[in-house]
Amino acid sequence: MTLCHGNRIRQRAHEIYLSRDGAAGCAEVDWLQAEMELRASKTKARFKTVMDSKGACQPPRGRR
């Protein structure tokens, strides 16, 4: 994990904390949720890049 990535997780975790009106006791859960959201976003962006470069997926030959 790079420092930049860690800062993004920290920022998102803080946003999640604030969305709960600053209720204490869930820092680890907020951090894990932030990590999952950022990973999902990164995976989605990679998939979109691949799809944009290759066009629409075609079914395997012999299948419809």
C-alpha atoms as a PDB file:
ATOM      1  CA  MET A   1       0.000   0.000   0.000  1.00  0.00           C
ATOM      2  CA  THR A   2       1.442   3.348  -0.971  1.00  0.00           C
ATOM      3  CA  LEU A   3       1.226   6.412   1.211  1.00  0.00           C
ATOM      4  CA  CYS A   4      -1.090   8.032  -1.315  1.00  0.00           C
ATOM      5  CA  HIS A   5      -3.384   4.998  -1.218  1.00  0.00           C
ATOM      6  CA  GLY A   6      -3.272   5.022   2.584  1.00  0.00           C
ATOM      7  CA  ASN A   7      -4.299   8.668   2.598  1.00  0.00           C
ATOM      8  CA  ARG A   8      -7.261   7.902   0.339  1.00  0.00           C
ATOM      9  CA  ILE A   9      -8.364   5.111   2.665  1.00  0.00           C
ATOM     10  CA  ARG A  10      -7.939   7.394   5.681  1.00  0.00           C
ATOM     11  CA  GLN A  11      -9.953  10.151   4.014  1.00  0.00           C
ATOM     12  CA  ARG A  12     -12.768   7.781   2.983  1.00  0.00           C
ATOM     13  CA  ALA A  13     -12.828   6.176   6.453  1.00  0.00           C
ATOM     14  CA  HIS A  14     -13.186   9.658   7.952  1.00  0.00           C
ATOM     15  CA  GLU A  15     -16.066  10.423   5.566  1.00  0.00           C
ATOM     16  CA  ILE A  16     -17.784   7.204   6.670  1.00  0.00           C
ATOM     17  CA  TYR A  17     -17.216   8.186  10.323  1.00  0.00           C
ATOM     18  CA  LEU A  18     -18.766  11.604   9.697  1.00  0.00           C
ATOM     19  CA  SER A  19     -21.734  10.020   7.899  1.00  0.00           C
ATOM     20  CA  ARG A  20     -22.484   8.230  11.201  1.00  0.00           C
ATOM     21  CA  ASP A  21     -22.506  11.613  12.964  1.00  0.00           C
ATOM     22  CA  GLY A  22     -19.119  10.851  14.505  1.00  0.00           C
ATOM     23  CA  ALA A  23     -20.297   7.901  16.604  1.00  0.00           C
ATOM     24  CA  ALA A  24     -17.271   6.338  18.308  1.00  0.00           C
ATOM     25  CA  GLY A  25     -16.210   2.707  18.335  1.00  0.00           C
ATOM     26  CA  CYS A  26     -16.198   1.720  14.658  1.00  0.00           C
ATOM     27  CA  ALA A  27     -12.801   2.918  13.394  1.00  0.00           C
ATOM     28  CA  GLU A  28     -11.689  -0.529  12.183  1.00  0.00           C
ATOM     29  CA  VAL A  29     -14.995  -1.176  10.457  1.00  0.00           C
ATOM     30  CA  ASP A  30     -14.848   2.251   8.790  1.00  0.00           C
ATOM     31  CA  TRP A  31     -11.274   1.552   7.614  1.00  0.00           C
ATOM     32  CA  LEU A  32     -12.200  -1.859   6.189  1.00  0.00           C
ATOM     33  CA  GLN A  33     -15.253  -0.449   4.437  1.00  0.00           C
ATOM     34  CA  ALA A  34     -13.122   2.315   2.927  1.00  0.00           C
ATOM     35  CA  GLU A  35     -10.566  -0.251   1.716  1.00  0.00           C
ATOM     36  CA  MET A  36     -13.285  -2.385   0.128  1.00  0.00           C
ATOM     37  CA  GLU A  37     -14.878   0.595  -1.608  1.00  0.00           C
ATOM     38  CA  LEU A  38     -11.561   1.815  -3.007  1.00  0.00           C
ATOM     39  CA  ARG A  39     -10.565  -1.669  -4.187  1.00  0.00           C
ATOM     40  CA  ALA A  40     -13.947  -2.142  -5.872  1.00  0.00           C
ATOM     41  CA  SER A  41     -13.606   1.250  -7.548  1.00  0.00           C
ATOM     42  CA  LYS A  42     -10.104   0.407  -8.778  1.00  0.00           C
ATOM     43  CA  THR A  43     -11.236  -2.996 -10.102  1.00  0.00           C
ATOM     44  CA  LYS A  44     -14.192  -1.416 -11.887  1.00  0.00           C
ATOM     45  CA  ALA A  45     -11.916   1.186 -13.496  1.00  0.00           C
ATOM     46  CA  ARG A  46      -9.509  -1.525 -14.698  1.00  0.00           C
ATOM     47  CA  PHE A  47     -12.360  -3.586 -16.131  1.00  0.00           C
ATOM     48  CA  LYS A  48     -13.737  -0.540 -17.943  1.00  0.00           C
ATOM     49  CA  THR A  49     -10.303   0.183 -19.438  1.00  0.00           C
ATOM     50  CA  VAL A  50     -10.018  -3.385 -20.719  1.00  0.00           C
ATOM     51  CA  MET A  51     -13.546  -3.347 -22.113  1.00  0.00           C
ATOM     52  CA  ASP A  52     -13.012   0.029 -23.784  1.00  0.00           C
ATOM     53  CA  SER A  53      -9.840  -1.230 -25.454  1.00  0.00           C
ATOM     54  CA  LYS A  54     -11.295  -4.565 -26.620  1.00  0.00           C
ATOM     55  CA  GLY A  55     -14.903  -3.672 -27.301  1.00  0.00           C
ATOM     56  CA  ALA A  56     -17.846  -5.716 -26.141  1.00  0.00           C
ATOM     57  CA  CYS A  57     -17.169  -9.219 -24.882  1.00  0.00           C
ATOM     58  CA  GLN A  58     -17.991 -11.972 -27.280  1.00  0.00           C
ATOM     59  CA  PRO A  59     -19.283 -15.337 -26.049  1.00  0.00           C
ATOM     60  CA  PRO A  60     -16.859 -18.253 -26.447  1.00  0.00           C
ATOM     61  CA  ARG A  61     -16.990 -19.955 -29.838  1.00  0.00           C
ATOM     62  CA  GLY A  62     -19.582 -22.670 -30.046  1.00  0.00           C
ATOM     63  CA  ARG A  63     -21.837 -21.042 -27.454  1.00  0.00           C
ATOM     64  CA  ARG A  64     -24.683 -18.622 -27.850  1.00  0.00           C
END
